[in-house]
Amino acid sequence: MSAPAETAFRAIPDLIREHAAARPRHTALGCGAERLDYAALDALMDRAAAALQRDGVAPGQAVAICAHSSVHYAAVFLGALRAGVAVAPIAPSVTAAQFAAMVGDAQARRLFADDAAAALLPALGGTVPLTPLDASLPGAGLADWLAPPGARPAPVPIDPEWPFNIIYSSGTTGTPKGIVQPHRMRWAHVLRGAAYGYGPDTVTLLATPLYSNTTLVVFFPTIANGGAVHLMPKFDAAAYLRLAEQIRATHTMLVPVQYQRLMARPDFDAHDLRSFHMKFCTSAPFPTALKADVLRRWPGGLVEFYGMTEGGGTCILNAHEHPDKLHTVGRPAAGSEIRLIDDDGREAAPGEAGEVVGRSAGMMSGYHGQPEMTREVEWFDGEGRRFIRTGDIGRFDADGFLTLFDRRKDMIISGGFNLYPSDLEAVLRGHAAVADVAVVGVPSAQWGETPVAYVVRRPGDATSEAALLEWCNARVGKTQRLAALHCIDELPRSAIGKVLKRELRERHAAGAG
């Protein structure tokens, strides 16, 4: 059965074309003093798409972007989509080795960058054509690369199953996981946006980076509905509040640590934030007390999304409607199916805790070029339907709200970024002094969580904790740096040899080091 007309798939670049025709002078993108209205954005997208076609980049192939958020970053991203080309947005905070691995894995045909990526570029050895997004890097810039003004690309009918973007995890082992999100998945996000008041008069303020799925789940519904997006290349609480008041922001996405810093400002209540219609949060545990404070002091609704970049089921907590459920992550979203499974992959009994698995229209195609890793996160029910495993442990209450207890994979969420202990452990094992190591996430007032390492040195080795910490942090991305490193005689293990990371967290909480 075909989808109803009102929900039939639409390609986001086509919607932008329609907005440009209907309201050409309406602001589409803003960043600092720069502004692009819909007519200018549509024309810039055409020039980017035509240039990619001129360069022989075919639909389904990819380009990479590694830069600060800007109007040109967004326009190139959207222009690539118009040509049917997928985008791999890469965090400038990754290491050179990570950067090279991600660009290579995506098989990027061109790289767009600014000075944020300057230290990373030598890792590519000039193997990928580079287009600077601004004058901060040497060489012919974006204006020289774009097709001439007025150029129009050959029309490309977008298949909803084509890759839209490839979002990379922060792997350090040389095998980064590229999460392939198809156009169909982004369209599901656009449809979901109707419930949150997105429309032509939406003014969205985003202080999280464009390489993060956290940002994109709000960016694209705003643009697809003809609203305006204002980007902050770097979050600053005081500047955020001034800008929100100035532009009369209606929507925003922030991670918990950003909410924490905003609410802690002595002048927070002096700002007029009555324009806000909806505020969103995702990517990290959102403390109950902080949710309550936002509800009490910041006008407009508050919505928490729980899900994965990989997609699958999503839970949504409309906190303003359920102030008694702030300890939960809400109920399954419309169109999402969430189940709990035990260690053997069987469905948990009602009322029991289990690993959260989910399915919906918004699911990744898979990890780019890594079918075995894709299969590891898939679970199929008795009818053969595909679910995505989250690795999180939770339990539903009698009202159908999900409470999370632990993360089976011990993933650390620091400042809204996912950090994987195994990646950091692999780096530390590369030091000759390290015989054994475990990395755990511990509470952080600044970041929500932060990684701490426990190292067992090789017999007779006297390398200091400070030296090991410095060595490790010089080899990982900025967001992955260890907050502390402790040397201990042996790691606590279970009878079957599994490291008992809970005991390490308890050791840290007790101040034992």
Protein backbone atom coordinates (compact mmCIF):
# COMPACT_ATOMS: atom_id res chain seq x y z
CA MET A 1 0.00 0.00 0.00
CA SER A 2 1.38 3.42 -0.92
CA ALA A 3 1.82 6.08 1.72
CA PRO A 4 -0.90 8.71 2.03
CA ALA A 5 -0.26 11.79 -0.07
CA GLU A 6 0.46 13.97 2.93
CA THR A 7 3.30 11.72 4.07
CA ALA A 8 4.69 10.58 0.71
CA PHE A 9 8.46 11.00 0.55
CA ARG A 10 9.79 14.40 -0.42
CA ALA A 11 13.43 15.23 -0.95
CA ILE A 12 14.60 18.08 1.27
CA PRO A 13 16.40 19.92 -1.61
CA ASP A 14 13.10 19.97 -3.53
CA LEU A 15 11.32 21.53 -0.54
CA ILE A 16 13.98 24.25 -0.35
CA ARG A 17 13.37 25.02 -4.03
CA GLU A 18 9.69 25.50 -3.24
CA HIS A 19 10.43 27.80 -0.30
CA ALA A 20 12.75 29.85 -2.51
CA ALA A 21 9.93 30.34 -5.01
CA ALA A 22 7.29 31.14 -2.39
CA ARG A 23 9.35 33.36 -0.04
CA PRO A 24 12.66 34.18 -1.72
CA ARG A 25 13.68 36.91 0.75
CA HIS A 26 12.90 34.98 3.92
CA THR A 27 16.00 34.17 5.98
CA ALA A 28 17.11 30.56 5.62
CA LEU A 29 20.53 30.59 7.32
CA GLY A 30 22.35 32.94 9.64
CA CYS A 31 25.74 32.74 11.34
CA GLY A 32 27.24 35.82 12.95
CA ALA A 33 26.88 38.68 10.50
CA GLU A 34 26.29 36.35 7.52
CA ARG A 35 22.78 35.72 6.22
CA LEU A 36 21.39 33.69 3.32
CA ASP A 37 17.77 34.05 2.27
CA TYR A 38 16.01 31.16 0.55
CA ALA A 39 16.64 32.49 -2.96
CA ALA A 40 20.37 32.83 -2.25
CA LEU A 41 20.53 29.41 -0.56
CA ASP A 42 18.74 27.74 -3.46
CA ALA A 43 21.09 29.38 -5.98
CA LEU A 44 24.17 28.39 -3.96
CA MET A 45 22.92 24.81 -3.73
CA ASP A 46 22.50 24.75 -7.51
CA ARG A 47 26.05 25.98 -8.03
CA ALA A 48 27.45 23.37 -5.62
CA ALA A 49 25.42 20.55 -7.16
CA ALA A 50 26.45 21.60 -10.69
CA ALA A 51 30.10 21.75 -9.65
CA LEU A 52 29.96 18.23 -8.23
CA GLN A 53 28.39 16.97 -11.44
CA ARG A 54 31.08 18.81 -13.44
CA ASP A 55 33.72 17.03 -11.32
CA GLY A 56 32.16 13.64 -11.99
CA VAL A 57 30.85 12.98 -8.49
CA ALA A 58 27.93 10.62 -9.03
CA PRO A 59 24.77 10.08 -6.98
CA GLY A 60 25.47 7.72 -4.10
CA GLN A 61 29.11 8.76 -3.83
CA ALA A 62 30.27 10.98 -0.95
CA VAL A 63 32.04 14.19 -0.10
CA ALA A 64 33.43 15.10 3.34
CA ILE A 65 33.17 18.34 5.33
CA CYS A 66 35.42 19.18 8.27
CA ALA A 67 34.91 22.73 9.47
CA HIS A 68 33.28 25.11 11.91
CA SER A 69 29.54 25.56 11.44
CA SER A 70 28.81 28.30 8.89
CA VAL A 71 26.28 29.25 6.24
CA HIS A 72 28.65 27.94 3.55
CA TYR A 73 29.07 24.62 5.38
CA ALA A 74 25.28 24.22 5.41
CA ALA A 75 24.87 25.34 1.79
CA VAL A 76 27.50 22.89 0.51
CA PHE A 77 25.89 20.07 2.54
CA LEU A 78 22.48 20.85 1.02
CA GLY A 79 23.92 21.34 -2.48
CA ALA A 80 25.54 17.92 -2.36
CA LEU A 81 22.19 16.41 -1.45
CA ARG A 82 20.63 18.08 -4.49
CA ALA A 83 23.17 16.22 -6.65
CA GLY A 84 22.29 12.94 -4.90
CA VAL A 85 25.71 12.95 -3.21
CA ALA A 86 26.04 11.83 0.41
CA VAL A 87 27.87 13.96 2.97
CA ALA A 88 30.31 12.74 5.61
CA PRO A 89 30.52 15.52 8.22
CA ILE A 90 33.67 15.00 10.32
CA ALA A 91 34.48 16.54 13.68
CA PRO A 92 37.59 18.77 13.64
CA SER A 93 38.42 17.43 17.13
CA VAL A 94 39.43 13.98 15.83
CA THR A 95 43.05 12.94 15.52
CA ALA A 96 44.88 12.97 12.20
CA ALA A 97 44.76 9.17 12.05
CA GLN A 98 41.03 9.15 12.73
CA PHE A 99 40.48 11.84 10.13
CA ALA A 100 42.34 9.96 7.42
CA ALA A 101 40.52 6.74 8.27
CA MET A 102 37.10 8.42 8.11
CA VAL A 103 37.74 10.24 4.83
CA GLY A 104 39.09 7.02 3.36
CA ASP A 105 36.23 4.89 4.63
CA ALA A 106 33.68 7.27 3.11
CA GLN A 107 35.63 7.17 -0.17
CA ALA A 108 35.12 10.93 -0.24
CA ARG A 109 35.54 12.41 -3.69
CA ARG A 110 36.19 15.92 -2.34
CA LEU A 111 36.86 17.53 1.02
CA PHE A 112 35.50 20.89 2.16
CA ALA A 113 37.33 22.40 5.13
CA ASP A 114 38.40 25.52 6.99
CA ASP A 115 41.13 26.30 9.53
CA ALA A 116 39.49 23.99 12.08
CA ALA A 117 40.90 21.11 10.00
CA ALA A 118 44.28 22.65 9.20
CA ALA A 119 46.27 20.32 11.46
CA LEU A 120 44.50 17.26 10.04
CA LEU A 121 45.00 17.87 6.32
CA PRO A 122 48.59 16.59 6.04
CA ALA A 123 47.30 13.13 7.05
CA LEU A 124 45.60 12.87 3.64
CA GLY A 125 48.79 13.57 1.72
CA GLY A 126 46.87 15.47 -0.91
CA THR A 127 45.01 12.36 -2.03
CA VAL A 128 41.57 14.02 -1.82
CA PRO A 129 40.80 17.27 -3.70
CA LEU A 130 40.37 20.12 -1.19
CA THR A 131 38.06 23.11 -1.38
CA PRO A 132 38.54 25.68 1.42
CA LEU A 133 35.22 27.00 2.67
CA ASP A 134 36.77 30.37 3.49
CA ALA A 135 40.04 32.28 3.22
CA SER A 136 41.55 30.63 6.32
CA LEU A 137 43.24 27.92 4.21
CA PRO A 138 45.51 28.46 1.19
CA GLY A 139 44.39 27.56 -2.30
CA ALA A 140 41.44 28.21 -4.56
CA GLY A 141 38.40 28.73 -2.37
CA LEU A 142 34.72 27.93 -2.55
CA ALA A 143 33.91 30.83 -4.89
CA ASP A 144 36.43 29.53 -7.43
CA TRP A 145 35.19 25.94 -7.18
CA LEU A 146 31.47 26.64 -7.48
CA ALA A 147 29.81 26.54 -10.88
CA PRO A 148 29.18 30.05 -12.30
CA PRO A 149 26.28 32.13 -10.93
CA GLY A 150 23.02 31.05 -12.52
CA ALA A 151 24.23 27.50 -13.17
CA ARG A 152 21.65 24.76 -12.73
CA PRO A 153 22.54 21.08 -12.18
CA ALA A 154 21.02 18.24 -14.15
CA PRO A 155 17.92 17.13 -12.22
CA VAL A 156 18.50 14.15 -9.92
CA PRO A 157 15.40 12.30 -8.69
CA ILE A 158 16.30 11.31 -5.12
CA ASP A 159 15.70 7.71 -4.12
CA PRO A 160 14.64 7.56 -0.44
CA GLU A 161 17.03 4.64 0.12
CA TRP A 162 20.07 6.54 -1.14
CA PRO A 163 22.59 7.57 1.53
CA PHE A 164 21.90 11.07 2.86
CA ASN A 165 24.89 11.32 5.19
CA ILE A 166 27.51 9.18 6.90
CA ILE A 167 27.96 10.01 10.59
CA TYR A 168 31.17 8.66 12.12
CA SER A 169 31.77 7.37 15.61
CA SER A 170 34.96 8.56 17.32
CA GLY A 171 36.99 5.40 16.79
CA THR A 172 40.75 5.44 17.31
CA THR A 173 41.50 1.90 16.20
CA GLY A 174 41.66 2.65 12.46
CA THR A 175 38.22 1.12 11.84
CA PRO A 176 35.75 3.99 12.37
CA LYS A 177 32.08 3.12 12.12
CA GLY A 178 30.28 5.18 9.52
CA ILE A 179 26.54 5.28 10.23
CA VAL A 180 24.75 5.52 6.90
CA GLN A 181 21.48 7.40 7.23
CA PRO A 182 19.27 7.28 4.12
CA HIS A 183 17.05 10.08 2.83
CA ARG A 184 14.09 8.09 4.11
CA MET A 185 15.39 8.43 7.66
CA ARG A 186 15.78 12.21 7.43
CA TRP A 187 12.30 12.47 5.93
CA ALA A 188 10.95 10.64 8.99
CA HIS A 189 12.53 13.37 11.15
CA VAL A 190 10.83 16.04 9.04
CA LEU A 191 7.45 14.37 9.46
CA ARG A 192 7.97 14.11 13.21
CA GLY A 193 8.64 17.85 13.30
CA ALA A 194 5.02 18.70 12.61
CA ALA A 195 4.17 17.83 16.21
CA TYR A 196 6.61 20.45 17.51
CA GLY A 197 5.42 23.50 15.66
CA TYR A 198 8.00 23.71 12.88
CA GLY A 199 6.81 26.03 10.12
CA PRO A 200 7.70 29.03 7.96
CA ASP A 201 7.97 31.27 11.02
CA THR A 202 10.26 28.96 12.99
CA VAL A 203 13.52 30.54 14.16
CA THR A 204 15.89 27.80 15.34
CA LEU A 205 19.05 28.61 17.29
CA LEU A 206 21.72 25.88 17.16
CA ALA A 207 24.89 25.97 19.25
CA THR A 208 25.87 22.35 18.62
CA PRO A 209 28.03 21.52 15.55
CA LEU A 210 26.74 20.54 12.14
CA TYR A 211 28.77 17.32 12.16
CA SER A 212 26.62 16.04 15.02
CA ASN A 213 23.39 14.15 14.48
CA THR A 214 22.13 15.99 17.57
CA THR A 215 22.15 19.17 15.50
CA LEU A 216 20.90 17.68 12.26
CA VAL A 217 17.69 16.25 13.75
CA VAL A 218 16.57 19.86 14.31
CA PHE A 219 18.37 21.60 11.44
CA PHE A 220 16.67 19.65 8.66
CA PRO A 221 13.07 19.86 9.95
CA THR A 222 13.50 23.63 10.27
CA ILE A 223 14.83 24.07 6.72
CA ALA A 224 12.38 21.56 5.23
CA ASN A 225 9.51 23.60 6.68
CA GLY A 226 10.82 26.95 5.46
CA GLY A 227 12.05 28.29 8.78
CA ALA A 228 15.27 30.09 9.67
CA VAL A 229 18.34 28.47 11.26
CA HIS A 230 20.88 30.57 13.15
CA LEU A 231 24.20 28.81 13.80
CA MET A 232 26.71 29.45 16.58
CA PRO A 233 30.15 28.05 15.63
CA LYS A 234 31.05 27.83 19.32
CA PHE A 235 28.76 27.67 22.34
CA ASP A 236 29.03 30.48 24.84
CA ALA A 237 26.24 30.76 27.41
CA ALA A 238 26.18 34.57 27.59
CA ALA A 239 26.31 34.96 23.80
CA TYR A 240 23.62 32.30 23.36
CA LEU A 241 21.18 34.16 25.61
CA ARG A 242 21.84 37.49 23.89
CA LEU A 243 21.34 35.97 20.45
CA ALA A 244 18.20 34.05 21.45
CA GLU A 245 16.67 37.29 22.65
CA GLN A 246 17.80 39.24 19.59
CA ILE A 247 16.46 36.84 16.93
CA ARG A 248 13.37 35.89 18.95
CA ALA A 249 14.25 32.19 18.78
CA THR A 250 11.37 29.74 18.79
CA HIS A 251 13.23 26.40 18.78
CA THR A 252 16.59 25.10 19.94
CA MET A 253 18.54 21.91 20.56
CA LEU A 254 20.99 21.75 23.45
CA VAL A 255 22.79 18.95 25.26
CA PRO A 256 22.42 18.69 29.05
CA VAL A 257 25.74 20.34 29.89
CA GLN A 258 24.69 23.38 27.86
CA TYR A 259 21.39 23.61 29.71
CA GLN A 260 23.35 23.37 32.93
CA ARG A 261 25.65 26.26 32.01
CA LEU A 262 22.77 28.44 30.84
CA MET A 263 20.63 27.89 33.91
CA ALA A 264 23.61 28.58 36.19
CA ARG A 265 24.15 32.08 34.81
CA PRO A 266 23.21 34.78 37.35
CA ASP A 267 21.62 36.86 34.57
CA PHE A 268 19.55 34.03 33.05
CA ASP A 269 16.23 35.32 34.39
CA ALA A 270 16.96 38.84 33.08
CA HIS A 271 16.65 37.66 29.46
CA ASP A 272 13.33 37.74 27.61
CA LEU A 273 12.90 34.19 26.28
CA ARG A 274 9.14 34.28 25.81
CA SER A 275 9.51 33.69 22.06
CA PHE A 276 10.49 30.05 22.65
CA HIS A 277 7.95 27.49 21.53
CA MET A 278 9.98 24.31 21.98
CA LYS A 279 13.35 23.31 23.37
CA PHE A 280 14.95 19.92 22.72
CA CYS A 281 17.59 17.82 24.43
CA THR A 282 19.36 14.58 23.58
CA SER A 283 22.77 12.84 23.48
CA ALA A 284 23.42 12.47 27.22
CA PRO A 285 21.69 11.75 30.52
CA PHE A 286 19.49 14.75 31.41
CA PRO A 287 19.31 15.09 35.22
CA THR A 288 15.81 15.24 36.67
CA ALA A 289 16.54 18.35 38.72
CA LEU A 290 17.90 20.16 35.67
CA LYS A 291 14.78 19.31 33.65
CA ALA A 292 12.64 20.70 36.45
CA ASP A 293 14.68 23.91 36.57
CA VAL A 294 14.35 24.43 32.80
CA LEU A 295 10.59 23.89 33.01
CA ARG A 296 10.27 26.33 35.88
CA ARG A 297 12.35 29.20 34.48
CA TRP A 298 12.46 28.93 30.66
CA PRO A 299 9.22 29.56 28.69
CA GLY A 300 8.01 27.04 26.13
CA GLY A 301 7.91 23.28 25.99
CA LEU A 302 10.80 20.94 26.78
CA VAL A 303 11.27 17.70 24.85
CA GLU A 304 13.86 15.01 25.50
CA PHE A 305 14.70 12.57 22.71
CA TYR A 306 16.17 9.19 23.52
CA GLY A 307 17.59 7.19 20.65
CA MET A 308 20.73 6.44 18.68
CA THR A 309 22.40 7.98 15.67
CA GLU A 310 21.94 4.52 14.16
CA GLY A 311 18.20 5.06 14.52
CA GLY A 312 15.68 2.43 15.44
CA GLY A 313 13.11 3.23 18.05
CA THR A 314 12.91 6.64 19.67
CA CYS A 315 11.45 7.55 23.04
CA ILE A 316 10.18 11.06 23.61
CA LEU A 317 9.52 12.80 26.90
CA ASN A 318 7.33 15.87 26.56
CA ALA A 319 8.52 17.11 29.93
CA HIS A 320 6.10 20.05 30.06
CA GLU A 321 3.18 17.62 29.77
CA HIS A 322 4.52 15.00 32.21
CA PRO A 323 6.34 16.79 35.06
CA ASP A 324 5.94 13.66 37.19
CA LYS A 325 7.98 11.59 34.71
CA LEU A 326 11.16 13.64 34.58
CA HIS A 327 13.19 10.64 35.79
CA THR A 328 12.31 8.81 32.56
CA VAL A 329 13.15 9.29 28.87
CA GLY A 330 9.49 9.15 27.92
CA ARG A 331 7.39 6.82 25.86
CA PRO A 332 8.00 5.34 22.38
CA ALA A 333 7.39 7.90 19.66
CA ALA A 334 4.60 7.45 17.16
CA GLY A 335 5.83 4.96 14.57
CA SER A 336 8.49 3.57 16.92
CA GLU A 337 8.39 0.12 18.44
CA ILE A 338 10.53 -0.44 21.53
CA ARG A 339 11.15 -3.80 23.16
CA LEU A 340 13.40 -5.09 25.92
CA ILE A 341 15.49 -8.24 25.54
CA ASP A 342 17.52 -10.32 27.98
CA ASP A 343 21.13 -11.50 27.68
CA ASP A 344 20.03 -14.42 25.49
CA GLY A 345 18.16 -12.23 23.04
CA ARG A 346 14.72 -13.22 24.30
CA GLU A 347 12.08 -10.63 25.10
CA ALA A 348 12.05 -9.66 28.76
CA ALA A 349 8.90 -10.38 30.74
CA PRO A 350 6.58 -7.44 31.52
CA GLY A 351 8.03 -5.37 34.34
CA GLU A 352 11.53 -6.77 33.92
CA ALA A 353 14.58 -4.81 32.84
CA GLY A 354 16.34 -5.58 29.58
CA GLU A 355 18.39 -4.18 26.74
CA VAL A 356 16.47 -1.60 24.72
CA VAL A 357 15.92 -2.46 21.05
CA GLY A 358 13.83 -0.48 18.61
CA ARG A 359 12.56 -0.11 15.09
CA SER A 360 10.94 2.68 13.10
CA ALA A 361 11.05 4.33 9.70
CA GLY A 362 14.18 6.14 10.90
CA MET A 363 16.89 3.47 10.86
CA MET A 364 20.39 3.47 9.41
CA SER A 365 21.07 1.35 6.36
CA GLY A 366 24.08 -0.01 8.23
CA TYR A 367 27.68 0.78 9.10
CA HIS A 368 29.45 1.86 5.93
CA GLY A 369 31.31 -1.10 4.43
CA GLN A 370 31.12 -3.10 7.68
CA PRO A 371 28.32 -5.69 7.42
CA GLU A 372 29.61 -7.72 10.38
CA MET A 373 29.46 -4.70 12.71
CA THR A 374 26.01 -3.94 11.34
CA ARG A 375 24.81 -7.43 12.21
CA GLU A 376 26.12 -7.04 15.76
CA VAL A 377 23.64 -4.24 16.47
CA GLU A 378 20.67 -5.88 14.77
CA TRP A 379 18.02 -7.98 16.51
CA PHE A 380 15.16 -9.71 14.72
CA ASP A 381 11.84 -10.63 16.29
CA GLY A 382 9.93 -13.83 15.66
CA GLU A 383 8.43 -12.35 12.49
CA GLY A 384 11.86 -11.50 11.12
CA ARG A 385 11.47 -7.75 11.60
CA ARG A 386 14.70 -5.78 12.10
CA PHE A 387 15.39 -3.85 15.32
CA ILE A 388 18.49 -1.86 16.35
CA ARG A 389 20.13 -2.74 19.67
CA THR A 390 21.01 0.25 21.86
CA GLY A 391 23.20 -1.44 24.46
CA ASP A 392 21.20 0.44 27.12
CA ILE A 393 19.37 -1.28 29.96
CA GLY A 394 15.92 -0.03 30.90
CA ARG A 395 12.51 -0.86 32.27
CA PHE A 396 9.02 0.35 31.36
CA ASP A 397 6.74 1.57 34.13
CA ALA A 398 3.01 0.89 34.29
CA ASP A 399 2.31 3.97 32.15
CA GLY A 400 4.70 2.91 29.39
CA PHE A 401 7.50 5.36 30.27
CA LEU A 402 11.06 4.06 29.92
CA THR A 403 13.61 4.48 32.71
CA LEU A 404 17.27 3.79 31.87
CA PHE A 405 19.59 2.11 34.39
CA ASP A 406 22.91 1.41 32.75
CA ARG A 407 24.66 1.24 29.40
CA ARG A 408 25.65 -2.27 28.59
CA LYS A 409 28.48 -1.17 26.33
CA ASP A 410 29.83 1.27 28.93
CA MET A 411 29.78 4.06 26.41
CA ILE A 412 30.69 7.44 27.91
CA ILE A 413 28.71 10.54 26.91
CA SER A 414 30.85 13.60 27.56
CA GLY A 415 29.50 17.02 26.65
CA GLY A 416 27.01 15.36 24.29
CA PHE A 417 29.67 13.30 22.47
CA ASN A 418 29.82 9.52 22.51
CA LEU A 419 33.15 8.14 23.73
CA TYR A 420 33.97 4.45 23.61
CA PRO A 421 36.21 3.12 26.42
CA SER A 422 37.57 0.38 24.17
CA ASP A 423 38.99 3.03 21.82
CA LEU A 424 40.84 4.76 24.64
CA GLU A 425 41.99 1.43 26.06
CA ALA A 426 43.43 0.49 22.66
CA VAL A 427 45.48 3.69 22.61
CA LEU A 428 46.86 3.10 26.11
CA ARG A 429 47.77 -0.47 25.29
CA GLY A 430 50.10 0.97 22.68
CA HIS A 431 52.40 2.26 25.43
CA ALA A 432 55.19 -0.10 26.41
CA ALA A 433 54.52 0.45 30.12
CA VAL A 434 50.90 -0.71 30.00
CA ALA A 435 50.13 -4.34 30.78
CA ASP A 436 46.40 -3.94 31.32
CA VAL A 437 43.90 -1.07 31.27
CA ALA A 438 40.24 -0.20 31.72
CA VAL A 439 38.52 3.12 31.06
CA VAL A 440 35.29 4.12 32.79
CA GLY A 441 33.02 7.11 32.70
CA VAL A 442 32.64 9.09 35.92
CA PRO A 443 30.35 12.04 36.75
CA SER A 444 31.59 15.47 35.72
CA ALA A 445 30.02 18.80 36.68
CA GLN A 446 31.36 20.33 33.48
CA TRP A 447 30.75 17.58 30.91
CA GLY A 448 28.12 15.29 32.43
CA GLU A 449 30.58 12.42 32.23
CA THR A 450 34.31 12.19 31.63
CA PRO A 451 36.70 9.26 31.03
CA VAL A 452 39.13 8.03 33.70
CA ALA A 453 41.69 5.28 33.07
CA TYR A 454 42.94 2.57 35.42
CA VAL A 455 46.27 1.14 34.30
CA VAL A 456 48.29 -1.90 35.40
CA ARG A 457 51.95 -1.26 34.59
CA ARG A 458 54.31 -3.95 33.43
CA PRO A 459 56.43 -5.48 36.23
CA GLY A 460 59.35 -3.24 37.14
CA ASP A 461 58.08 -0.27 35.11
CA ALA A 462 58.02 3.07 36.93
CA THR A 463 56.45 5.35 34.29
CA SER A 464 54.48 7.99 36.19
CA GLU A 465 50.72 8.45 36.03
CA ALA A 466 51.25 12.01 34.76
CA ALA A 467 53.47 10.82 31.92
CA LEU A 468 50.98 8.17 30.84
CA LEU A 469 48.12 10.66 30.98
CA GLU A 470 50.00 13.17 28.86
CA TRP A 471 51.04 10.47 26.38
CA CYS A 472 47.48 9.24 25.91
CA ASN A 473 45.85 12.67 25.64
CA ALA A 474 48.33 13.65 22.94
CA ARG A 475 47.03 10.77 20.80
CA VAL A 476 43.26 11.14 21.08
CA GLY A 477 40.74 13.72 19.96
CA LYS A 478 39.98 16.71 22.17
CA THR A 479 36.60 15.34 23.21
CA GLN A 480 38.20 11.98 24.17
CA ARG A 481 40.89 13.21 26.55
CA LEU A 482 41.16 11.46 29.89
CA ALA A 483 40.34 13.50 32.99
CA ALA A 484 42.58 11.31 35.15
CA LEU A 485 44.71 8.17 35.08
CA HIS A 486 45.43 5.93 38.04
CA CYS A 487 47.93 3.08 38.25
CA ILE A 488 46.75 0.06 40.25
CA ASP A 489 48.13 -3.41 40.96
CA GLU A 490 45.40 -5.30 39.12
CA LEU A 491 42.01 -4.76 37.58
CA PRO A 492 38.97 -6.20 39.39
CA ARG A 493 37.61 -9.12 37.39
CA SER A 494 34.77 -11.60 37.59
CA ALA A 495 35.27 -15.34 37.77
CA ILE A 496 35.14 -15.54 33.99
CA GLY A 497 37.67 -12.75 33.56
CA LYS A 498 35.38 -9.83 32.79
CA VAL A 499 36.62 -6.48 34.09
CA LEU A 500 34.23 -5.23 36.76
CA LYS A 501 33.99 -1.61 35.70
CA ARG A 502 31.33 -0.87 38.28
CA GLU A 503 33.93 -1.49 40.98
CA LEU A 504 36.26 0.98 39.29
CA ARG A 505 33.51 3.61 39.26
CA GLU A 506 32.86 2.93 42.94
CA ARG A 507 36.58 3.23 43.63
CA HIS A 508 36.62 6.63 41.95
CA ALA A 509 33.51 7.78 43.83
CA ALA A 510 35.18 6.80 47.10
CA GLY A 511 38.22 8.87 46.19
CA ALA A 512 40.51 5.87 46.25
CA GLY A 513 42.14 6.71 42.91
